[in-house]
Amino acid sequence: MAVTGDETETGTAGDLTAYQLRNPSSSLPQGVAGGGAHGLQKPVQEAVQKRELRLMKNREAARECRRKKKEYVKCLENRVAVLENQNKTLIEELRALKDIYRHKAE
């Protein structure tokens, strides 16, 4: 079956398919077809920027978390020191009261 010039000009379904195959960018999203490597640079750059921003925020959050943990541990250490002093004072007071009670009992 031979194709004549008349058949291609009449707009048959085969011509539409051939046109779509010759111009694939008409049905694809912008930046995907026809741009080559240049068309892919923008999405790649955006992805890199998003990653850098996410990493920067994560570093800052980690730094803040370490600072808060350090502050919390310092508060706990101070509380331990206060409680140890209070315990020592109470033990001395108990010892003194026992001595007084022992002397009265004799």
Protein backbone atom coordinates (compact mmCIF):
# COMPACT_ATOMS: atom_id res chain seq x y z
CA MET A 1 0.00 0.00 0.00
CA ALA A 2 1.58 3.24 -1.10
CA VAL A 3 0.98 6.63 0.43
CA THR A 4 0.35 9.41 -2.04
CA GLY A 5 0.63 13.11 -1.45
CA ASP A 6 -3.17 13.46 -1.39
CA GLU A 7 -3.54 11.11 1.59
CA THR A 8 -1.05 12.99 3.78
CA GLU A 9 -2.69 16.35 3.14
CA THR A 10 -6.20 15.21 4.02
CA GLY A 11 -5.37 14.81 7.72
CA THR A 12 -5.76 11.09 8.30
CA ALA A 13 -5.24 9.54 11.73
CA GLY A 14 -1.81 8.35 10.66
CA ASP A 15 -0.74 11.94 10.00
CA LEU A 16 -1.80 13.01 13.49
CA THR A 17 0.25 10.23 15.04
CA ALA A 18 3.25 11.14 12.91
CA TYR A 19 2.89 14.80 13.95
CA GLN A 20 2.74 13.83 17.63
CA LEU A 21 5.82 11.67 17.26
CA ARG A 22 7.72 14.49 15.55
CA ASN A 23 6.69 17.00 18.26
CA PRO A 24 6.71 15.09 21.55
CA SER A 25 7.15 18.25 23.63
CA SER A 26 3.55 19.28 22.98
CA SER A 27 2.15 16.63 25.34
CA LEU A 28 4.90 16.58 27.98
CA PRO A 29 5.30 18.93 30.96
CA GLN A 30 7.49 21.96 30.54
CA GLY A 31 11.15 21.34 31.32
CA VAL A 32 10.98 17.62 30.51
CA ALA A 33 11.10 17.52 26.73
CA GLY A 34 13.21 19.46 24.30
CA GLY A 35 15.40 21.10 26.95
CA GLY A 36 18.05 18.46 27.30
CA ALA A 37 20.37 18.87 30.29
CA HIS A 38 19.55 22.57 30.57
CA GLY A 39 15.88 21.81 31.24
CA LEU A 40 16.82 19.52 34.15
CA GLN A 41 19.16 21.98 35.86
CA LYS A 42 16.43 24.03 37.54
CA PRO A 43 14.71 21.08 39.30
CA VAL A 44 18.10 19.70 40.32
CA GLN A 45 19.20 23.08 41.67
CA GLU A 46 15.92 23.42 43.58
CA ALA A 47 16.38 19.96 45.07
CA VAL A 48 19.93 20.81 46.11
CA GLN A 49 18.77 24.08 47.68
CA LYS A 50 15.95 22.33 49.54
CA ARG A 51 18.39 19.72 50.82
CA GLU A 52 20.88 22.36 51.96
CA LEU A 53 18.11 24.28 53.73
CA ARG A 54 16.86 21.11 55.42
CA LEU A 55 20.40 20.19 56.52
CA MET A 56 21.00 23.71 57.84
CA LYS A 57 17.74 23.64 59.83
CA ASN A 58 18.58 20.18 61.14
CA ARG A 59 22.03 21.32 62.28
CA GLU A 60 20.50 24.31 64.08
CA ALA A 61 17.86 22.10 65.73
CA ALA A 62 20.56 19.62 66.82
CA ARG A 63 22.67 22.48 68.24
CA GLU A 64 19.67 23.80 70.18
CA CYS A 65 18.84 20.30 71.44
CA ARG A 66 22.42 19.81 72.70
CA ARG A 67 22.33 23.22 74.41
CA LYS A 68 19.04 22.40 76.17
CA LYS A 69 20.32 18.99 77.23
CA LYS A 70 23.48 20.56 78.65
CA GLU A 71 21.39 23.09 80.58
CA TYR A 72 19.10 20.32 81.88
CA VAL A 73 22.04 18.20 83.05
CA LYS A 74 23.59 21.24 84.77
CA CYS A 75 20.32 21.89 86.62
CA LEU A 76 20.19 18.24 87.71
CA GLU A 77 23.79 18.40 88.94
CA ASN A 78 22.99 21.54 90.95
CA ARG A 79 19.93 19.85 92.45
CA VAL A 80 22.01 16.80 93.39
CA ALA A 81 24.54 19.06 95.14
CA VAL A 82 21.78 20.86 97.08
CA LEU A 83 20.12 17.59 98.10
CA GLU A 84 23.45 16.07 99.16
CA ASN A 85 24.13 19.09 101.40
CA GLN A 86 20.61 18.89 102.82
CA ASN A 87 21.03 15.16 103.46
CA LYS A 88 24.36 15.75 105.19
CA THR A 89 22.79 18.43 107.41
CA LEU A 90 19.87 16.16 108.31
CA ILE A 91 22.20 13.26 109.15
CA GLU A 92 24.21 15.55 111.47
CA GLU A 93 21.01 16.81 113.11
CA LEU A 94 19.76 13.24 113.61
CA ARG A 95 23.08 12.26 115.16
CA ALA A 96 22.91 15.23 117.55
CA LEU A 97 19.33 14.41 118.57
CA LYS A 98 20.27 10.77 119.19
CA ASP A 99 23.12 11.91 121.43
CA ILE A 100 20.77 14.18 123.40
CA TYR A 101 18.17 11.40 123.77
CA ARG A 102 20.85 8.90 124.84
CA HIS A 103 22.14 11.27 127.57
CA LYS A 104 18.60 11.86 128.90
CA ALA A 105 17.89 8.15 128.98
CA GLU A 106 20.93 7.43 131.17
